[in-house]
Protein backbone atom coordinates (compact mmCIF):
# COMPACT_ATOMS: atom_id res chain seq x y z
CA MET A 1 20.34 -14.60 24.34
CA ILE A 2 21.14 -13.25 20.98
CA GLU A 3 23.92 -15.60 20.89
CA GLN A 4 21.73 -18.46 21.51
CA LEU A 5 19.51 -17.47 18.76
CA GLN A 6 22.79 -17.17 16.44
CA GLY A 7 23.67 -20.53 17.40
CA GLN A 8 20.05 -22.09 16.52
CA MET A 9 19.93 -20.18 13.13
CA GLY A 10 23.46 -20.23 11.97
CA GLU A 11 24.19 -17.77 9.16
CA ARG A 12 20.42 -16.87 8.89
CA CYS A 13 20.99 -14.83 12.00
CA SER A 14 22.91 -11.51 11.48
CA VAL A 15 23.99 -8.70 13.80
CA ASN A 16 25.89 -6.93 11.00
CA PRO A 17 25.51 -3.11 11.79
CA TYR A 18 24.63 -2.43 8.06
CA ILE A 19 21.91 -5.12 7.88
CA LEU A 20 20.47 -3.99 11.31
CA ALA A 21 20.38 -0.18 9.84
CA ALA A 22 18.40 -1.59 6.92
CA HIS A 23 15.97 -3.20 9.08
CA GLY A 24 15.32 -0.33 11.48
CA ARG A 25 13.83 2.33 8.97
CA ASP A 26 10.92 2.72 6.70
CA GLU A 27 10.36 4.79 3.75
CA ASN A 28 8.93 7.65 5.90
CA ALA A 29 11.86 7.67 8.26
CA THR A 30 9.68 6.77 11.18
CA PRO A 31 11.58 7.52 14.41
CA GLY A 32 12.51 4.10 16.51
CA GLN A 33 15.62 1.95 16.91
CA LEU A 34 17.49 -0.80 15.32
CA PRO A 35 16.71 -4.40 15.85
CA LEU A 36 18.69 -6.60 18.17
CA ALA A 37 19.29 -9.05 15.36
CA VAL A 38 17.93 -10.02 11.89
CA VAL A 39 16.74 -13.50 11.05
CA PHE A 40 16.59 -14.47 7.50
CA ALA A 41 13.89 -17.04 7.66
CA GLU A 42 13.92 -19.72 4.76
CA THR A 43 11.36 -22.10 5.89
CA VAL A 44 8.42 -22.28 8.04
CA ALA A 45 10.27 -24.17 10.56
CA ASP A 46 12.74 -20.93 10.93
CA VAL A 47 9.90 -18.96 11.76
CA GLN A 48 8.48 -21.25 14.41
CA ALA A 49 11.89 -21.53 15.79
CA THR A 50 12.38 -17.87 15.89
CA LEU A 51 9.06 -17.58 17.75
CA ALA A 52 10.04 -20.20 20.24
CA TRP A 53 13.18 -18.26 21.00
CA ALA A 54 11.15 -15.04 21.41
CA ARG A 55 8.69 -16.71 23.63
CA ALA A 56 11.62 -17.93 26.07
CA ALA A 57 13.62 -14.65 25.52
CA GLN A 58 10.38 -12.47 26.06
CA THR A 59 11.76 -10.57 23.12
CA PRO A 60 9.36 -9.12 20.35
CA VAL A 61 9.37 -10.31 16.57
CA ILE A 62 8.68 -7.83 13.76
CA ALA A 63 8.03 -9.24 10.31
CA PHE A 64 9.94 -7.69 7.51
CA GLY A 65 9.36 -8.04 3.71
CA ALA A 66 10.96 -5.50 1.29
CA GLY A 67 10.97 -2.55 3.80
CA THR A 68 8.48 -0.36 1.63
CA SER A 69 6.13 0.66 4.66
CA PHE A 70 5.43 4.11 5.22
CA GLU A 71 3.90 3.98 8.75
CA GLY A 72 6.39 2.58 11.09
CA HIS A 73 5.20 -1.02 10.79
CA ILE A 74 8.71 -2.58 10.47
CA VAL A 75 10.66 -0.13 12.77
CA PRO A 76 11.18 -1.30 16.50
CA GLN A 77 10.08 0.83 19.09
CA ALA A 78 11.61 -1.35 21.84
CA PRO A 79 14.34 -4.04 21.57
CA ALA A 80 13.23 -6.64 19.11
CA ILE A 81 14.37 -9.19 16.40
CA SER A 82 13.54 -8.25 12.80
CA LEU A 83 12.24 -11.38 11.03
CA ASP A 84 13.11 -11.15 7.39
CA LEU A 85 10.87 -13.28 5.05
CA SER A 86 12.62 -12.30 1.83
CA ARG A 87 14.15 -15.61 1.30
CA MET A 88 10.79 -17.36 1.41
CA ASN A 89 10.31 -16.20 -2.11
CA HIS A 90 8.92 -19.22 -4.06
CA VAL A 91 5.86 -19.45 -6.29
CA LEU A 92 4.73 -22.67 -5.24
CA ARG A 93 1.83 -23.44 -7.38
CA ILE A 94 0.03 -21.86 -10.50
CA THR A 95 -3.29 -23.04 -11.02
CA PRO A 96 -4.73 -21.28 -14.25
CA GLU A 97 -7.91 -23.28 -14.60
CA ASP A 98 -8.88 -21.92 -11.12
CA PHE A 99 -7.47 -18.54 -11.60
CA THR A 100 -5.29 -19.03 -8.50
CA VAL A 101 -1.72 -19.12 -7.25
CA THR A 102 -0.12 -20.21 -4.15
CA VAL A 103 3.13 -18.34 -3.07
CA GLU A 104 5.42 -17.76 -0.13
CA PRO A 105 5.46 -14.25 1.57
CA GLY A 106 8.72 -13.03 0.21
CA VAL A 107 7.50 -13.25 -3.36
CA THR A 108 7.25 -9.70 -4.87
CA ARG A 109 4.46 -8.65 -7.09
CA HIS A 110 6.80 -8.20 -9.99
CA GLN A 111 8.40 -11.41 -9.45
CA LEU A 112 4.86 -12.85 -9.61
CA ASN A 113 3.67 -11.34 -12.50
CA ALA A 114 6.76 -12.41 -14.53
CA ALA A 115 6.08 -15.90 -13.58
CA LEU A 116 2.40 -15.53 -14.60
CA ARG A 117 2.85 -14.06 -17.98
CA HIS A 118 3.05 -17.34 -19.81
CA VAL A 119 -0.38 -18.36 -18.83
CA GLY A 120 -2.03 -15.28 -19.75
CA LEU A 121 -2.91 -14.08 -16.18
CA PHE A 122 -1.81 -11.51 -13.66
CA PHE A 123 -2.23 -10.26 -10.05
CA PRO A 124 -3.51 -6.86 -10.28
CA VAL A 125 -2.81 -5.17 -6.80
CA ASP A 126 -0.38 -2.35 -7.42
CA PRO A 127 0.85 -0.39 -4.51
CA GLY A 128 3.54 1.24 -6.58
CA ALA A 129 6.39 -0.18 -4.86
CA ASP A 130 7.74 -3.81 -5.62
CA ALA A 131 6.79 -4.90 -2.15
CA THR A 132 6.33 -8.46 -0.96
CA LEU A 133 2.93 -10.14 -1.10
CA GLY A 134 3.19 -11.08 2.59
CA GLY A 135 3.85 -7.43 3.37
CA MET A 136 0.93 -6.31 1.24
CA ALA A 137 -1.46 -8.65 2.74
CA ALA A 138 -0.18 -7.45 6.30
CA THR A 139 -0.99 -3.93 5.32
CA ASN A 140 -4.01 -4.62 3.30
CA ALA A 141 -2.26 -2.84 0.52
CA SER A 142 -3.90 -1.46 -2.74
CA GLY A 143 -3.29 0.88 -5.27
CA THR A 144 -3.74 2.16 -8.92
CA THR A 145 -5.83 -0.81 -9.91
CA THR A 146 -7.96 -1.09 -6.79
CA VAL A 147 -10.78 0.97 -8.38
CA ARG A 148 -11.57 -2.02 -10.68
CA TYR A 149 -9.93 -5.16 -9.26
CA GLY A 150 -10.12 -4.47 -5.33
CA GLY A 151 -7.17 -4.76 -2.85
CA MET A 152 -5.66 -7.31 -0.97
CA HIS A 153 -8.87 -8.00 0.90
CA GLN A 154 -10.56 -8.83 -2.46
CA ASN A 155 -7.69 -11.04 -3.81
CA VAL A 156 -6.41 -13.13 -0.98
CA LEU A 157 -8.27 -16.30 -0.93
CA ALA A 158 -6.39 -18.12 1.72
CA LEU A 159 -3.34 -17.86 3.75
CA GLU A 160 -1.05 -19.83 6.33
CA ALA A 161 0.39 -18.19 9.46
CA VAL A 162 2.42 -19.00 12.39
CA LEU A 163 0.84 -17.83 15.66
CA ALA A 164 2.70 -16.58 18.62
CA ASN A 165 2.39 -19.91 20.30
CA GLY A 166 3.93 -21.46 17.26
CA ASP A 167 0.89 -23.19 15.91
CA LEU A 168 0.64 -23.33 12.01
CA VAL A 169 -2.84 -22.48 11.14
CA GLN A 170 -4.71 -22.42 7.65
CA LEU A 171 -7.11 -19.34 7.10
CA GLY A 172 -9.55 -19.56 4.27
CA ARG A 173 -9.87 -21.82 1.23
CA ALA A 174 -8.96 -21.42 -2.53
CA VAL A 175 -12.75 -20.53 -3.40
CA ARG A 176 -14.53 -17.29 -4.36
CA LYS A 177 -16.95 -17.50 -1.46
CA SER A 178 -17.57 -19.40 1.73
CA SER A 179 -20.08 -19.08 4.42
CA SER A 180 -18.29 -21.41 6.92
CA GLY A 181 -17.14 -20.49 10.28
CA TYR A 182 -15.64 -16.95 11.28
CA ASP A 183 -13.56 -15.43 8.57
CA LEU A 184 -10.17 -15.55 10.32
CA ARG A 185 -8.39 -14.96 6.86
CA ASP A 186 -9.95 -11.39 6.69
CA LEU A 187 -8.95 -10.69 10.22
CA PHE A 188 -5.25 -11.25 9.57
CA ILE A 189 -5.27 -9.22 6.29
CA GLY A 190 -4.39 -5.81 7.33
CA SER A 191 -3.26 -6.93 10.77
CA GLY A 192 0.42 -5.65 10.44
CA GLY A 193 1.93 -8.60 11.73
CA THR A 194 0.36 -8.23 15.21
CA LEU A 195 -1.56 -11.71 15.19
CA GLY A 196 0.69 -13.90 13.27
CA ILE A 197 3.49 -14.30 10.74
CA ILE A 198 2.05 -14.96 7.29
CA THR A 199 4.00 -17.76 5.53
CA GLN A 200 2.11 -18.67 2.57
CA LEU A 201 -0.85 -17.04 0.59
CA THR A 202 -3.20 -18.23 -2.01
CA LEU A 203 -4.21 -15.54 -4.47
CA ARG A 204 -6.78 -14.67 -6.91
CA LEU A 205 -5.70 -13.94 -10.43
CA HIS A 206 -7.19 -12.16 -13.41
CA PRO A 207 -6.91 -12.44 -17.16
CA ILE A 208 -4.66 -10.11 -18.77
CA PRO A 209 -6.62 -7.68 -20.67
CA ASP A 210 -6.79 -8.01 -24.48
CA VAL A 211 -7.15 -4.21 -25.11
CA THR A 212 -5.84 -1.38 -22.94
CA HIS A 213 -6.27 2.54 -23.27
CA THR A 214 -4.68 5.34 -21.60
CA VAL A 215 -6.17 8.84 -21.26
CA ARG A 216 -4.63 11.94 -19.78
CA ALA A 217 -7.01 14.88 -19.12
CA VAL A 218 -5.70 18.21 -17.90
CA PHE A 219 -7.97 20.64 -15.78
CA PRO A 220 -7.89 24.35 -14.70
CA THR A 221 -8.16 23.28 -10.95
CA VAL A 222 -7.53 20.56 -8.50
CA ALA A 223 -11.31 20.63 -7.70
CA ALA A 224 -12.47 20.50 -11.29
CA ALA A 225 -10.05 17.29 -11.81
CA ALA A 226 -11.65 15.75 -8.65
CA GLU A 227 -15.06 16.56 -9.70
CA ALA A 228 -14.37 14.66 -13.17
CA ALA A 229 -12.98 11.65 -11.26
CA TYR A 230 -16.31 11.56 -9.25
CA GLN A 231 -18.34 11.85 -12.39
CA VAL A 232 -16.52 8.91 -13.85
CA MET A 233 -17.47 6.95 -11.04
CA ALA A 234 -20.94 8.08 -10.67
CA GLN A 235 -21.30 6.99 -14.33
CA ALA A 236 -20.16 3.51 -13.37
CA LEU A 237 -17.51 3.57 -16.05
CA PRO A 238 -15.37 0.27 -15.64
CA VAL A 239 -12.14 2.29 -15.23
CA ALA A 240 -9.15 0.23 -14.29
CA ARG A 241 -6.93 3.17 -13.13
CA LEU A 242 -8.08 6.65 -12.19
CA GLU A 243 -5.11 8.71 -10.69
CA LEU A 244 -5.00 12.41 -9.87
CA LEU A 245 -1.86 14.49 -9.70
CA ASP A 246 -1.94 18.19 -8.95
CA ASP A 247 -0.24 21.10 -10.45
CA ARG A 248 2.58 20.86 -8.04
CA SER A 249 3.13 17.33 -8.81
CA ILE A 250 3.31 17.74 -12.58
CA ALA A 251 5.84 20.70 -12.04
CA THR A 252 7.94 18.55 -9.78
CA LEU A 253 8.06 15.88 -12.46
CA ASN A 254 8.72 18.25 -15.34
CA ARG A 255 11.83 19.36 -13.40
CA GLY A 256 13.09 15.82 -12.39
CA LEU A 257 12.09 13.97 -15.45
CA GLY A 258 13.04 16.52 -18.09
CA ARG A 259 9.12 16.68 -19.31
CA ASN A 260 7.13 19.36 -20.57
CA ASP A 261 3.59 18.47 -19.45
CA PRO A 262 1.02 21.22 -18.83
CA GLU A 263 1.54 22.23 -15.21
CA GLN A 264 -2.19 21.86 -14.25
CA PRO A 265 -4.20 19.40 -12.19
CA THR A 266 -4.16 15.97 -14.26
CA LEU A 267 -6.22 12.85 -14.36
CA LEU A 268 -4.74 9.72 -15.63
CA MET A 269 -6.97 6.87 -16.62
CA GLU A 270 -6.68 3.52 -17.99
CA PHE A 271 -9.23 1.20 -19.45
CA HIS A 272 -9.31 -2.58 -19.93
CA SER A 273 -11.56 -4.57 -22.15
CA SER A 274 -11.66 -7.81 -24.38
CA THR A 275 -12.70 -5.80 -27.56
CA PRO A 276 -11.88 -2.55 -29.34
CA ALA A 277 -15.45 -1.86 -29.67
CA ALA A 278 -16.42 -2.00 -26.39
CA LEU A 279 -13.28 -0.15 -25.19
CA ALA A 280 -14.15 2.60 -27.60
CA ALA A 281 -17.62 3.09 -26.12
CA GLU A 282 -16.31 3.50 -22.73
CA VAL A 283 -13.56 5.93 -23.87
CA THR A 284 -16.11 8.18 -25.66
CA LEU A 285 -18.27 8.31 -22.55
CA MET A 286 -15.32 9.21 -20.52
CA ALA A 287 -14.34 12.11 -22.78
CA ASP A 288 -17.80 13.44 -22.53
CA ILE A 289 -17.53 13.42 -18.90
CA VAL A 290 -14.25 15.15 -18.45
CA ASN A 291 -15.04 17.77 -21.21
CA GLY A 292 -18.28 18.61 -19.32
CA CYS A 293 -16.13 19.05 -16.09
CA GLY A 294 -13.87 21.51 -17.80
CA ALA A 295 -10.79 19.65 -19.07
CA VAL A 296 -8.58 22.01 -21.13
CA GLN A 297 -6.75 19.13 -22.79
CA VAL A 298 -7.33 15.26 -23.38
CA ALA A 299 -4.71 13.16 -24.71
CA GLN A 300 -5.11 9.37 -25.52
CA ALA A 301 -2.64 6.53 -25.91
CA GLN A 302 -3.27 3.29 -27.50
CA THR A 303 0.51 1.68 -28.13
CA LYS A 304 2.44 0.24 -25.23
CA ASP A 305 5.18 2.93 -25.66
CA GLU A 306 2.53 6.05 -25.64
CA GLN A 307 0.92 4.43 -22.35
CA ALA A 308 4.31 4.11 -20.76
CA ARG A 309 5.21 7.62 -21.50
CA LEU A 310 1.92 8.85 -19.86
CA TRP A 311 2.11 6.57 -16.94
CA GLU A 312 5.71 7.56 -16.34
CA ILE A 313 4.82 10.60 -14.25
CA ARG A 314 2.68 8.13 -11.82
CA HIS A 315 5.09 5.32 -11.51
CA LYS A 316 8.25 7.69 -10.89
CA ALA A 317 6.27 10.40 -8.75
CA TYR A 318 7.98 9.36 -5.46
CA TRP A 319 11.58 8.98 -6.16
CA THR A 320 11.19 12.07 -8.40
CA PHE A 321 9.86 14.12 -5.59
CA VAL A 322 12.61 12.81 -3.35
CA SER A 323 15.35 13.76 -5.79
CA GLN A 324 14.16 17.39 -6.28
CA TYR A 325 14.36 18.04 -2.28
CA PRO A 326 17.74 16.82 -1.19
CA GLY A 327 18.38 16.91 2.43
CA CYS A 328 14.69 17.03 3.43
CA ARG A 329 12.70 14.59 5.55
CA TYR A 330 9.83 12.95 3.32
CA THR A 331 6.61 12.00 4.59
CA ILE A 332 3.40 10.67 2.77
CA THR A 333 0.16 11.04 4.25
CA ASP A 334 -2.66 8.55 3.26
CA VAL A 335 -6.30 9.07 3.93
CA ALA A 336 -9.75 8.09 2.03
CA VAL A 337 -13.03 9.65 2.12
CA PRO A 338 -16.43 8.95 0.82
CA LEU A 339 -16.60 9.67 -2.71
CA ALA A 340 -19.29 12.33 -2.30
CA GLN A 341 -16.67 14.17 -0.25
CA LEU A 342 -13.92 13.61 -2.73
CA VAL A 343 -13.84 17.15 -4.11
CA ASP A 344 -13.97 19.05 -0.96
CA ALA A 345 -11.35 16.86 0.60
CA VAL A 346 -8.76 17.17 -2.25
CA GLN A 347 -9.34 20.96 -2.03
CA PHE A 348 -8.80 20.99 1.74
CA ALA A 349 -5.49 19.13 1.45
CA HIS A 350 -4.21 21.33 -1.45
CA ASP A 351 -5.11 24.51 0.19
CA LEU A 352 -3.70 23.49 3.51
CA LEU A 353 -0.21 23.11 1.87
CA ASP A 354 -0.45 26.78 1.16
CA GLU A 355 -1.78 27.84 4.60
CA LEU A 356 1.14 26.08 6.30
CA GLY A 357 3.65 27.21 3.87
CA LEU A 358 5.12 23.43 3.15
CA LYS A 359 6.76 22.16 0.17
CA GLY A 360 4.60 19.24 -1.21
CA CYS A 361 2.15 18.00 -3.78
CA LEU A 362 -0.88 16.11 -3.96
CA LEU A 363 -1.86 12.71 -5.87
CA GLY A 364 -3.76 9.67 -5.38
CA HIS A 365 -6.12 6.83 -6.41
CA VAL A 366 -9.01 9.01 -6.33
CA GLY A 367 -11.45 6.49 -8.12
CA ASP A 368 -11.90 4.86 -4.48
CA GLY A 369 -11.53 8.11 -2.64
CA ASN A 370 -7.82 7.65 -1.48
CA PHE A 371 -5.01 10.22 -1.91
CA HIS A 372 -1.78 11.13 -0.71
CA THR A 373 0.22 14.25 -0.05
CA PHE A 374 3.95 13.98 -0.38
CA LEU A 375 6.01 16.45 2.04
CA ALA A 376 9.42 17.45 1.97
CA THR A 377 10.58 19.35 5.22
CA SER A 378 13.62 20.44 6.97
CA PRO A 379 14.17 19.96 10.68
CA ALA A 380 12.54 23.35 11.44
CA GLU A 381 9.42 22.46 9.49
CA ALA A 382 8.92 18.98 11.14
CA GLU A 383 6.08 20.42 13.43
CA GLN A 384 4.34 22.17 10.53
CA ALA A 385 4.40 18.66 8.71
CA HIS A 386 2.91 16.95 11.92
CA VAL A 387 0.10 19.74 11.93
CA TYR A 388 -0.60 19.02 8.25
CA ALA A 389 -1.08 15.11 8.74
CA THR A 390 -2.91 15.83 12.07
CA ARG A 391 -5.46 18.20 10.47
CA LEU A 392 -5.92 16.11 7.23
CA VAL A 393 -6.59 12.88 9.11
CA THR A 394 -9.03 15.04 11.23
CA TYR A 395 -10.95 16.43 8.40
CA ALA A 396 -11.05 12.76 6.57
CA LEU A 397 -12.56 11.38 9.86
CA GLY A 398 -14.96 14.28 10.16
CA VAL A 399 -16.42 13.60 6.83
CA GLY A 400 -16.86 9.82 7.52
CA GLY A 401 -13.37 8.86 6.01
CA THR A 402 -10.49 6.84 7.23
CA ALA A 403 -7.03 7.72 8.73
CA SER A 404 -5.63 5.30 6.27
CA GLY A 405 -6.92 4.21 3.13
CA GLU A 406 -3.83 1.68 2.24
CA HIS A 407 -0.70 2.06 4.10
CA GLY A 408 -2.07 0.88 7.13
CA ILE A 409 -1.68 2.14 10.80
CA GLY A 410 1.64 0.99 12.01
CA VAL A 411 2.90 3.38 14.76
CA VAL A 412 2.33 6.81 12.92
CA LYS A 413 -1.47 6.49 12.63
CA ARG A 414 -2.24 4.86 15.97
CA PRO A 415 -3.07 7.85 17.76
CA PHE A 416 -6.12 8.36 15.55
CA LEU A 417 -7.63 4.91 16.11
CA ALA A 418 -9.83 5.73 19.02
CA ALA A 419 -11.51 8.52 17.20
CA GLU A 420 -12.09 6.36 13.92
CA HIS A 421 -13.11 3.21 15.68
CA GLY A 422 -14.54 4.06 19.19
CA LEU A 423 -15.62 1.06 21.38
CA SER A 424 -14.75 -1.40 18.65
CA LEU A 425 -11.05 -0.49 19.38
CA THR A 426 -11.11 -2.23 22.70
CA TRP A 427 -12.43 -5.25 20.93
CA MET A 428 -9.65 -5.20 18.52
CA ARG A 429 -7.28 -4.98 21.65
CA GLN A 430 -8.87 -8.10 23.14
CA ILE A 431 -8.45 -10.10 19.82
CA LYS A 432 -4.77 -9.26 19.88
CA ASP A 433 -4.40 -10.36 23.49
CA LEU A 434 -6.15 -13.72 22.56
CA PHE A 435 -3.74 -14.37 19.58
CA ASP A 436 -0.77 -12.88 21.26
CA PRO A 437 -1.14 -12.79 25.19
CA GLN A 438 2.72 -11.97 25.55
CA HIS A 439 2.50 -9.19 23.11
CA LEU A 440 5.60 -10.54 21.14
CA LEU A 441 4.34 -9.85 17.63
CA ASN A 442 4.97 -6.26 16.49
CA PRO A 443 3.75 -4.85 19.87
CA GLY A 444 2.64 -1.05 19.90
CA LYS A 445 1.55 -1.28 16.31
CA ASP A 446 -1.87 -0.89 14.41
CA VAL A 447 -3.90 -1.50 17.76
């Protein structure tokens, strides 16, 4: 049957072992197997043809964007085809007067923002990696700017998808609000490629801010830093980014990047405004808040070079962490809690590293209650890493939080779904059965 698929798709279907290997792993090295083949779709017709073959062959299909997933979304758990959408990478239509853009799913966020610069607009969702927009929608990605601009749910106005039966459906309209019918667009965002293959997106754009300002505040404890983040949100400051890095993060970054930052818990904040006067008032209030929470150092950056220097530690955190622990397996946890629970949750995650004797550090988008722990483990420590992740998710669920703030469920977080969703999980699975009765679309993931 693979030969038949190759005959249909020509050079767009590969069984090259190196290509298979690249499509059989994610950033967390989630266990699984290699795909049977990789199809590089270039058109909607290619997607439909691949799904037609899959129906006939009774072989699952897994959508693949840039391969930046952490939770096993792209890793086959049984024989499957990887459907790579990276060649569907055209910016189709920029409509600046409507603050919208229409793109194919393989467009990356860096590519999009480069294409938008000349019209003074940008797409704000920043998960860190240069992910594809189709993959970001499929996982409901968010990131450093979500605290102000929202995640993918708030910034995808409409999308087009191919269903398991080959139907091409339009979901949503390019408007800011609608009360017309069930919102199937919202159902597909965050579905992890289990309901259909996204082939086009219309996205909401935002004006590039006229003035930006970055602040670094250093604290004696991780609890003090988290409390300051909570107070910034409680005062309704329109912060555009609000990131926490613990003392272990800063120490690791100092080693890896040759920096000399204070090795204490740190908040990075960015403010966007249309006028210097409005921004100055926000920054003054912020300084009062962080000083009241015990900040031991506050540094401010206004020029682009100064801001880039401060943000380097956040943007390079993951790969710097990896470089400092060669030979280890790397795992990134992802939970979110109600803001009122943030301080205790961050302290719990920080202390749990010590309790279990694990190498790791904590950082995250604490303005929306979402944070991560980076873990570096040897094979002998694999069980302890699993214990850490399980206890952290269990804690988050116990205080009203979620097993995944932004990475999605995939296969890794699937065991926690029943505890988080209860009876509604049964209805989610019935929705899956309705859209994909043969379970050909990324089976065993998300629900």
